[in-house]
């Protein structure tokens, strides 16, 4: 029950009273507890005379002021009020604790943000952005605790380390000779495998060819335009004009002396191959196109048969002879590619449409064509590091081809494949 307490006599009045029932004073609006009501009634002055109440035992409470049933009701209400107050205080204390905990969490987050803000000023832009993003996520989601921030930062640093490691591996892979060569030739072989042509003509075709397909006798004239190359000494490998494109196997740079020799002005064409071998294994067909899809062993078979037909002594050039001729021999002007520093002038490369006619691009200083681009060319040497002994049976390829990037068409660039490898990017030229 809500009672109004008189400020003068401190008597308790009903909640709708405007004046004190005891002294007549105007009552203020005030809330008092039941305990105060009891004390007020016990201390109230006696009112008008009433019938005498039964005598009470000595030392007992003055029950005349409050009837017994009302006293019990007031005591019950007092106990309920005390219990409610205790519950309210406990609840208030609980929520005050939560508020305090949230304040502490906010303070810790602010401290952490300040610390990582200093870190951001000293770190890279990538790491700074990542840490700031992690901090914002923690604030939005209500994540608290210094340990959590450390774990988030450690995770960001872990992924950055992974990114750096992968980036380093990627750069190494780009510079890796074997990886690039294997991938390029593998793609060429898989593509060529889906367009397989018979190695030998069928019986009806053989009959139609008649005498034209028969082996020619020794001494027969087959016109192959050869370019004489006077011998000399040159620097072989990654020379200054090659720039930053060199691979590891182009080192160390060394001085090499070669004797005089001759080399064919053009790559071996399909017309010449058909006249000697009677077949055409090329994928891109045309008499004036270079022969391709030829392994190193098949090139040797062709040369053996050609020498038997002509009585000449043709062969594959050595790797040193090939590079000497590609550089222009004694007439070299120090070009990066064979005949120019501008690859578009001298090379058919980076194409998707296959080979082009032999001699389409400008020649080099010795008037030799296509030593950069069109088809990669077998040479006689086994592959090995400069200054070391060859390991295995792989053979050297030079010059790059129609699908090669510019880096592979440089005069110093080297490649290697097993001698049985075929590809629609691989051909050869003759030497004497």
Protein backbone atom coordinates (compact mmCIF):
# COMPACT_ATOMS: atom_id res chain seq x y z
CA UNK A 1 0.00 0.00 0.00
CA UNK A 2 1.27 3.51 -0.82
CA UNK A 3 0.77 6.01 2.05
CA UNK A 4 1.31 9.77 2.28
CA UNK A 5 3.48 10.88 5.23
CA UNK A 6 2.75 14.17 7.01
CA UNK A 7 5.85 16.39 7.24
CA UNK A 8 4.75 17.79 10.66
CA UNK A 9 3.34 14.97 12.71
CA UNK A 10 4.75 12.20 10.50
CA UNK A 11 1.39 10.44 10.56
CA UNK A 12 0.58 8.16 7.65
CA UNK A 13 -2.38 9.15 5.51
CA UNK A 14 -4.23 7.47 2.68
CA UNK A 15 -2.83 7.97 -0.77
CA UNK A 16 -5.74 10.17 -1.91
CA UNK A 17 -5.59 12.52 1.09
CA UNK A 18 -4.63 16.13 0.52
CA UNK A 19 -4.48 17.07 4.21
CA UNK A 20 -3.20 15.21 7.23
CA UNK A 21 -6.01 13.47 9.15
CA UNK A 22 -4.15 14.08 12.42
CA UNK A 23 -2.89 17.65 12.27
CA UNK A 24 -4.62 19.02 9.15
CA UNK A 25 -1.40 20.01 7.36
CA UNK A 26 -1.23 19.96 3.57
CA UNK A 27 0.43 16.78 2.45
CA UNK A 28 3.25 16.73 -0.11
CA UNK A 29 3.46 14.01 -2.70
CA UNK A 30 5.79 11.46 -1.19
CA UNK A 31 6.16 7.69 -1.13
CA UNK A 32 6.88 5.98 2.18
CA UNK A 33 7.60 2.36 3.00
CA UNK A 34 5.41 0.10 5.11
CA UNK A 35 8.06 0.08 7.78
CA UNK A 36 7.81 3.84 8.13
CA UNK A 37 4.01 3.53 8.29
CA UNK A 38 4.24 1.18 11.25
CA UNK A 39 6.66 3.43 13.08
CA UNK A 40 4.41 6.41 12.37
CA UNK A 41 1.32 4.75 13.76
CA UNK A 42 3.13 3.50 16.83
CA UNK A 43 4.34 7.04 17.61
CA UNK A 44 1.05 8.84 16.78
CA UNK A 45 -0.62 10.88 19.66
CA UNK A 46 -3.86 9.51 21.09
CA UNK A 47 -7.05 10.59 19.38
CA UNK A 48 -10.52 11.03 20.85
CA UNK A 49 -11.42 8.77 23.76
CA UNK A 50 -12.31 5.23 22.83
CA UNK A 51 -13.56 2.29 24.81
CA UNK A 52 -10.83 0.77 26.90
CA UNK A 53 -9.00 -2.04 25.25
CA UNK A 54 -8.15 -5.29 26.98
CA UNK A 55 -5.05 -5.11 29.13
CA UNK A 56 -1.83 -6.27 27.55
CA UNK A 57 1.02 -8.16 29.04
CA UNK A 58 3.89 -6.15 30.39
CA UNK A 59 6.52 -5.52 27.70
CA UNK A 60 4.14 -6.43 24.80
CA UNK A 61 3.54 -4.19 21.82
CA UNK A 62 1.05 -1.39 21.86
CA UNK A 63 -1.58 -3.10 19.77
CA UNK A 64 -4.15 -0.44 20.38
CA UNK A 65 -2.67 1.67 17.61
CA UNK A 66 -3.02 -0.96 14.87
CA UNK A 67 -5.69 -3.70 14.72
CA UNK A 68 -4.34 -7.24 14.72
CA UNK A 69 -5.47 -8.32 11.24
CA UNK A 70 -4.22 -5.10 9.69
CA UNK A 71 -0.88 -5.58 11.46
CA UNK A 72 -0.49 -9.01 9.96
CA UNK A 73 -1.33 -7.64 6.52
CA UNK A 74 1.16 -4.83 6.93
CA UNK A 75 3.90 -7.23 8.06
CA UNK A 76 3.24 -9.48 5.07
CA UNK A 77 3.41 -6.50 2.74
CA UNK A 78 6.61 -5.39 4.45
CA UNK A 79 8.25 -8.79 3.88
CA UNK A 80 7.16 -8.79 0.23
CA UNK A 81 8.53 -5.27 -0.20
CA UNK A 82 11.84 -6.26 1.35
CA UNK A 83 12.08 -9.34 -0.89
CA UNK A 84 11.24 -7.25 -3.95
CA UNK A 85 13.81 -4.66 -2.97
CA UNK A 86 16.48 -7.33 -2.52
CA UNK A 87 15.62 -8.85 -5.90
CA UNK A 88 15.68 -5.42 -7.54
CA UNK A 89 19.05 -4.62 -5.99
CA UNK A 90 20.47 -7.96 -7.19
CA UNK A 91 19.11 -7.38 -10.67
CA UNK A 92 20.50 -3.85 -10.70
CA UNK A 93 23.87 -5.11 -9.53
CA UNK A 94 23.86 -7.77 -12.27
CA UNK A 95 23.20 -5.25 -15.02
CA UNK A 96 25.68 -2.79 -13.54
CA UNK A 97 28.25 -5.59 -13.76
CA UNK A 98 27.39 -6.18 -17.41
CA UNK A 99 27.63 -2.47 -18.13
CA UNK A 100 31.00 -2.36 -16.41
CA UNK A 101 32.18 -5.40 -18.39
CA UNK A 102 31.08 -3.80 -21.66
CA UNK A 103 32.88 -0.58 -20.69
CA UNK A 104 36.04 -2.60 -20.01
CA UNK A 105 35.68 -4.38 -23.36
CA UNK A 106 35.25 -1.09 -25.18
CA UNK A 107 38.29 0.33 -23.44
CA UNK A 108 40.41 -2.69 -24.39
CA UNK A 109 39.27 -2.44 -27.99
CA UNK A 110 40.17 1.23 -28.07
CA UNK A 111 43.62 0.45 -26.67
CA UNK A 112 44.10 -2.29 -29.28
CA UNK A 113 42.92 -0.01 -32.07
CA UNK A 114 45.39 2.65 -31.00
CA UNK A 115 48.22 0.13 -30.93
CA UNK A 116 47.41 -1.25 -34.36
CA UNK A 117 46.93 2.24 -35.72
CA UNK A 118 50.60 2.84 -34.92
CA UNK A 119 51.44 -0.47 -36.55
CA UNK A 120 49.51 0.58 -39.68
CA UNK A 121 51.71 3.68 -40.01
CA UNK A 122 54.83 1.48 -40.09
CA UNK A 123 53.53 -1.44 -42.13
CA UNK A 124 52.83 -1.91 -45.83
CA UNK A 125 49.58 -0.77 -47.33
CA UNK A 126 48.44 -4.35 -47.80
CA UNK A 127 48.99 -5.32 -44.14
CA UNK A 128 47.58 -2.04 -42.86
CA UNK A 129 44.33 -2.49 -44.76
CA UNK A 130 44.02 -6.08 -43.55
CA UNK A 131 44.58 -5.18 -39.87
CA UNK A 132 42.16 -2.26 -40.01
CA UNK A 133 39.52 -4.47 -41.60
CA UNK A 134 40.03 -7.11 -38.91
CA UNK A 135 39.65 -4.48 -36.16
CA UNK A 136 36.44 -3.12 -37.68
CA UNK A 137 34.99 -6.62 -37.92
CA UNK A 138 35.81 -7.23 -34.26
CA UNK A 139 34.04 -4.03 -33.20
CA UNK A 140 30.93 -4.70 -35.30
CA UNK A 141 30.50 -8.26 -34.10
CA UNK A 142 31.20 -7.41 -30.48
CA UNK A 143 34.35 -9.52 -30.38
CA UNK A 144 36.38 -8.69 -27.29
CA UNK A 145 39.78 -9.55 -25.92
CA UNK A 146 43.38 -8.89 -26.76
CA UNK A 147 43.99 -12.59 -27.49
CA UNK A 148 41.37 -12.56 -30.22
CA UNK A 149 42.98 -9.60 -31.95
CA UNK A 150 46.34 -11.30 -31.83
CA UNK A 151 44.88 -14.40 -33.43
CA UNK A 152 43.23 -12.31 -36.17
CA UNK A 153 46.49 -10.47 -36.83
CA UNK A 154 48.41 -13.76 -36.92
CA UNK A 155 45.95 -15.13 -39.48
CA UNK A 156 46.29 -12.03 -41.67
CA UNK A 157 50.08 -12.28 -41.50
CA UNK A 158 49.86 -16.00 -42.30
CA UNK A 159 47.89 -15.37 -45.50
CA UNK A 160 50.20 -12.52 -46.48
CA UNK A 161 53.17 -14.87 -46.02
CA UNK A 162 51.42 -17.46 -48.19
CA UNK A 163 50.81 -14.79 -50.87
CA UNK A 164 54.46 -13.72 -50.81
CA UNK A 165 55.64 -17.34 -51.01
CA UNK A 166 53.36 -18.12 -53.94
CA UNK A 167 54.44 -14.93 -55.71
CA UNK A 168 58.09 -15.91 -55.28
CA UNK A 169 57.43 -19.41 -56.58
CA UNK A 170 55.56 -17.93 -59.54
CA UNK A 171 58.52 -15.73 -60.48
CA UNK A 172 60.84 -18.72 -60.20
CA UNK A 173 58.52 -20.80 -62.35
CA UNK A 174 58.48 -18.10 -65.04
CA UNK A 175 62.28 -18.15 -65.07
CA UNK A 176 62.42 -21.95 -65.08
CA UNK A 177 63.70 -23.26 -68.38
CA UNK A 178 62.55 -26.83 -68.03
CA UNK A 179 59.06 -25.97 -66.85
CA UNK A 180 58.41 -23.60 -69.73
CA UNK A 181 59.84 -25.92 -72.35
CA UNK A 182 57.97 -28.97 -71.10
CA UNK A 183 54.69 -27.08 -70.98
CA UNK A 184 55.09 -25.60 -74.47
CA UNK A 185 56.13 -28.82 -76.19
CA UNK A 186 53.56 -30.82 -74.24
CA UNK A 187 50.77 -28.56 -75.48
CA UNK A 188 52.05 -28.78 -79.02
CA UNK A 189 52.24 -32.57 -78.90
CA UNK A 190 48.77 -32.95 -77.40
CA UNK A 191 47.37 -30.66 -80.07
CA UNK A 192 49.21 -32.46 -82.84
CA UNK A 193 48.10 -35.86 -81.50
CA UNK A 194 44.49 -34.99 -82.32
CA UNK A 195 45.43 -34.35 -85.97
CA UNK A 196 47.60 -37.38 -86.68
CA UNK A 197 48.58 -37.98 -90.28
CA UNK A 198 49.84 -41.38 -91.45
CA UNK A 199 53.61 -41.66 -91.47
CA UNK A 200 53.56 -43.75 -94.67
CA UNK A 201 51.21 -43.51 -97.65
CA UNK A 202 48.59 -46.22 -98.08
CA UNK A 203 48.89 -48.82 -100.83
CA UNK A 204 46.54 -46.99 -103.26
CA UNK A 205 48.45 -43.75 -102.76
CA UNK A 206 51.72 -45.55 -103.36
CA UNK A 207 50.37 -46.94 -106.58
CA UNK A 208 49.21 -43.52 -107.71
CA UNK A 209 52.57 -41.94 -106.94
CA UNK A 210 54.34 -44.47 -109.10
CA UNK A 211 57.89 -43.64 -109.91
CA UNK A 212 57.72 -40.27 -108.20
CA UNK A 213 57.71 -42.00 -104.79
CA UNK A 214 60.72 -44.19 -105.60
CA UNK A 215 64.11 -43.41 -103.95
CA UNK A 216 66.37 -41.32 -106.14
CA UNK A 217 69.78 -42.54 -107.18
CA UNK A 218 73.01 -41.03 -105.89
CA UNK A 219 74.22 -37.99 -107.74
CA UNK A 220 70.78 -36.59 -108.59
CA UNK A 221 70.61 -32.78 -108.45
CA UNK A 222 68.44 -31.34 -105.68
CA UNK A 223 68.89 -27.61 -105.42
CA UNK A 224 69.41 -26.49 -101.80
CA UNK A 225 70.56 -22.88 -101.43
CA UNK A 226 73.46 -22.87 -98.98
CA UNK A 227 75.11 -19.74 -97.48
CA UNK A 228 78.88 -19.87 -96.81
CA UNK A 229 79.86 -18.74 -93.31
CA UNK A 230 83.55 -17.90 -92.83
CA UNK A 231 84.90 -19.20 -89.53
CA UNK A 232 85.67 -16.92 -86.61
CA UNK A 233 85.52 -16.33 -82.87
CA UNK A 234 82.45 -14.93 -81.11
CA UNK A 235 80.96 -14.57 -77.63
CA UNK A 236 78.32 -17.25 -77.05
CA UNK A 237 75.53 -17.02 -74.49
CA UNK A 238 73.86 -14.19 -72.59
CA UNK A 239 75.62 -11.17 -74.04
CA UNK A 240 74.70 -7.58 -73.15
CA UNK A 241 72.14 -7.02 -75.92
CA UNK A 242 70.06 -9.98 -74.62
CA UNK A 243 69.03 -7.84 -71.63
CA UNK A 244 67.17 -9.39 -68.69
CA UNK A 245 65.57 -12.18 -70.76
CA UNK A 246 68.37 -14.71 -70.34
CA UNK A 247 67.84 -18.11 -68.73
CA UNK A 248 70.30 -19.83 -66.43
CA UNK A 249 71.50 -22.21 -69.16
CA UNK A 250 72.77 -19.24 -71.23
CA UNK A 251 75.53 -18.77 -68.66
CA UNK A 252 78.43 -18.60 -68.38
CA UNK A 253 79.15 -16.38 -71.37
CA UNK A 254 82.14 -17.80 -73.22
CA UNK A 255 84.34 -17.19 -76.24
CA UNK A 256 83.94 -19.84 -78.97
CA UNK A 257 85.82 -20.35 -82.24
CA UNK A 258 84.17 -22.13 -85.17
CA UNK A 259 85.60 -23.16 -88.51
CA UNK A 260 84.16 -22.21 -91.88
CA UNK A 261 80.96 -24.00 -92.89
CA UNK A 262 77.80 -23.54 -94.95
CA UNK A 263 74.22 -23.37 -93.71
CA UNK A 264 70.95 -23.46 -95.63
CA UNK A 265 69.38 -20.10 -96.38
CA UNK A 266 65.93 -21.43 -95.51
CA UNK A 267 64.52 -24.03 -93.17
CA UNK A 268 63.86 -27.40 -94.84
CA UNK A 269 60.55 -27.06 -96.67
CA UNK A 270 57.77 -29.59 -97.14
CA UNK A 271 58.53 -29.70 -100.86
CA UNK A 272 62.11 -30.84 -100.22
CA UNK A 273 60.99 -33.34 -97.58
CA UNK A 274 58.41 -34.90 -99.90
CA UNK A 275 60.94 -35.17 -102.77
CA UNK A 276 63.32 -37.07 -100.51
CA UNK A 277 61.02 -39.05 -98.20
CA UNK A 278 57.85 -39.35 -100.31
CA UNK A 279 55.61 -38.43 -97.33
CA UNK A 280 54.44 -35.26 -95.59
CA UNK A 281 53.91 -35.49 -91.82
CA UNK A 282 53.36 -31.71 -91.40
CA UNK A 283 50.17 -30.47 -89.81
CA UNK A 284 50.19 -27.11 -91.63
CA UNK A 285 50.40 -28.12 -95.32
CA UNK A 286 52.07 -26.20 -98.13
CA UNK A 287 55.12 -26.88 -100.32
CA UNK A 288 56.82 -23.61 -99.33
CA UNK A 289 56.04 -23.99 -95.64
CA UNK A 290 58.76 -25.42 -93.37
CA UNK A 291 58.47 -29.11 -92.55
CA UNK A 292 57.32 -29.71 -88.95
CA UNK A 293 56.30 -32.56 -86.68
CA UNK A 294 59.78 -33.98 -87.27
CA UNK A 295 61.81 -35.60 -84.48
CA UNK A 296 65.59 -35.32 -84.23
CA UNK A 297 65.94 -38.96 -85.29
CA UNK A 298 63.70 -38.43 -88.33
CA UNK A 299 65.80 -35.42 -89.34
CA UNK A 300 68.86 -37.68 -89.25
CA UNK A 301 67.06 -40.26 -91.43
CA UNK A 302 66.19 -37.54 -93.93
CA UNK A 303 69.81 -36.33 -94.07
CA UNK A 304 71.13 -39.86 -94.59
CA UNK A 305 68.72 -40.42 -97.46
CA UNK A 306 69.39 -36.95 -98.95
CA UNK A 307 73.15 -37.56 -98.92
CA UNK A 308 72.61 -40.88 -100.64
CA UNK A 309 70.53 -39.21 -103.35
CA UNK A 310 72.82 -36.21 -103.94
CA UNK A 311 76.27 -37.49 -103.09
CA UNK A 312 76.70 -34.52 -100.72
CA UNK A 313 77.60 -34.44 -97.04
CA UNK A 314 74.73 -32.55 -95.43
CA UNK A 315 74.28 -32.57 -91.63
CA UNK A 316 72.64 -30.67 -88.80
CA UNK A 317 74.59 -27.61 -87.63
CA UNK A 318 76.27 -27.71 -84.24
CA UNK A 319 74.83 -25.44 -81.57
CA UNK A 320 77.85 -23.11 -81.78
CA UNK A 321 77.58 -22.94 -85.60
CA UNK A 322 73.88 -22.21 -85.38
CA UNK A 323 74.33 -19.31 -82.92
CA UNK A 324 77.30 -17.92 -84.84
CA UNK A 325 75.26 -17.86 -88.06
CA UNK A 326 72.16 -16.49 -86.30
CA UNK A 327 74.24 -13.60 -84.91
CA UNK A 328 75.50 -12.78 -88.43
CA UNK A 329 78.96 -14.38 -88.20
CA UNK A 330 81.82 -11.96 -88.78
CA UNK A 331 79.27 -9.40 -90.06
CA UNK A 332 77.32 -9.37 -86.82
CA UNK A 333 75.84 -6.06 -85.67
CA UNK A 334 75.01 -7.36 -82.19
CA UNK A 335 71.27 -7.79 -82.59
CA UNK A 336 69.05 -9.40 -79.97
CA UNK A 337 67.18 -11.42 -82.61
CA UNK A 338 68.58 -12.83 -85.85
CA UNK A 339 68.86 -9.73 -88.03
CA UNK A 340 67.21 -7.05 -85.87
CA UNK A 341 66.44 -5.77 -82.41
CA UNK A 342 62.79 -5.51 -83.51
CA UNK A 343 61.41 -9.03 -83.62
CA UNK A 344 58.48 -8.16 -85.91
CA UNK A 345 60.93 -7.46 -88.74
CA UNK A 346 62.62 -10.86 -88.75
CA UNK A 347 60.43 -13.44 -86.95
CA UNK A 348 57.08 -15.17 -87.36
CA UNK A 349 56.17 -15.70 -83.69
CA UNK A 350 53.38 -15.54 -81.09
CA UNK A 351 50.79 -16.68 -83.62
CA UNK A 352 47.72 -18.89 -83.42
CA UNK A 353 47.52 -19.72 -87.13
CA UNK A 354 50.64 -21.87 -87.63
CA UNK A 355 53.70 -21.53 -89.85
CA UNK A 356 54.29 -19.15 -92.75
CA UNK A 357 56.23 -19.48 -96.03
CA UNK A 358 59.97 -19.85 -95.58
CA UNK A 359 61.75 -16.52 -96.14
CA UNK A 360 58.71 -14.29 -95.52
CA UNK A 361 60.51 -12.14 -92.94
CA UNK A 362 63.69 -10.09 -93.41
CA UNK A 363 67.02 -11.96 -93.43
CA UNK A 364 69.95 -11.40 -91.06
CA UNK A 365 73.43 -10.00 -91.83
CA UNK A 366 74.36 -13.19 -93.75
CA UNK A 367 71.07 -13.17 -95.74
CA UNK A 368 69.77 -16.20 -93.82
CA UNK A 369 66.02 -16.26 -93.09
CA UNK A 370 63.88 -17.45 -90.17
CA UNK A 371 66.60 -18.13 -87.62
CA UNK A 372 64.21 -16.42 -85.23
CA UNK A 373 60.68 -17.87 -85.32
CA UNK A 374 58.55 -19.94 -87.75
CA UNK A 375 59.75 -23.36 -86.42
CA UNK A 376 62.27 -24.27 -83.73
CA UNK A 377 65.33 -25.96 -85.24
CA UNK A 378 67.09 -29.14 -84.15
CA UNK A 379 70.89 -28.96 -83.94
CA UNK A 380 73.27 -31.88 -83.59
CA UNK A 381 74.40 -31.33 -79.97
CA UNK A 382 73.17 -33.08 -76.86
CA UNK A 383 71.82 -30.65 -74.31
CA UNK A 384 74.04 -29.66 -71.37
CA UNK A 385 75.05 -26.67 -69.28
CA UNK A 386 77.77 -24.49 -70.75
CA UNK A 387 81.13 -25.62 -69.40
CA UNK A 388 79.74 -29.00 -68.33
CA UNK A 389 79.17 -32.43 -69.82
CA UNK A 390 75.80 -33.29 -71.36
CA UNK A 391 73.54 -35.40 -69.19
CA UNK A 392 70.99 -37.70 -70.78
CA UNK A 393 70.07 -37.89 -74.44
CA UNK A 394 68.06 -34.66 -74.91
CA UNK A 395 68.90 -32.63 -77.99
CA UNK A 396 69.10 -28.87 -78.37
CA UNK A 397 66.44 -26.77 -80.13
CA UNK A 398 67.14 -23.21 -81.26
CA UNK A 399 65.37 -20.12 -82.62
CA UNK A 400 61.81 -20.47 -81.32
CA UNK A 401 58.76 -21.00 -83.50
CA UNK A 402 55.44 -19.59 -84.63
CA UNK A 403 53.80 -20.14 -81.22
CA UNK A 404 56.82 -18.99 -79.16
CA UNK A 405 57.11 -15.80 -77.14
CA UNK A 406 59.74 -13.24 -78.10
CA UNK A 407 62.10 -14.37 -75.34
CA UNK A 408 62.42 -17.81 -76.95
CA UNK A 409 63.28 -16.33 -80.37
CA UNK A 410 66.48 -14.60 -79.21
CA UNK A 411 69.78 -15.72 -80.77
CA UNK A 412 71.05 -16.89 -77.35
CA UNK A 413 67.89 -18.72 -76.24
CA UNK A 414 68.18 -22.51 -75.75
CA UNK A 415 65.64 -25.30 -75.50
CA UNK A 416 65.88 -29.08 -75.34
CA UNK A 417 63.70 -32.13 -75.91
CA UNK A 418 64.17 -35.90 -76.20
CA UNK A 419 65.30 -36.91 -79.72
CA UNK A 420 62.01 -38.70 -80.43
CA UNK A 421 59.84 -35.64 -79.79
CA UNK A 422 57.60 -34.29 -82.57
CA UNK A 423 55.69 -31.04 -82.62
CA UNK A 424 54.00 -28.77 -85.15
CA UNK A 425 56.45 -26.11 -83.94
CA UNK A 426 59.63 -28.15 -84.60
CA UNK A 427 61.68 -28.40 -87.82
CA UNK A 428 65.33 -28.03 -88.88
CA UNK A 429 67.81 -26.60 -91.39
CA UNK A 430 70.89 -28.13 -93.03
CA UNK A 431 74.60 -27.44 -92.69
CA UNK A 432 77.69 -28.60 -94.59
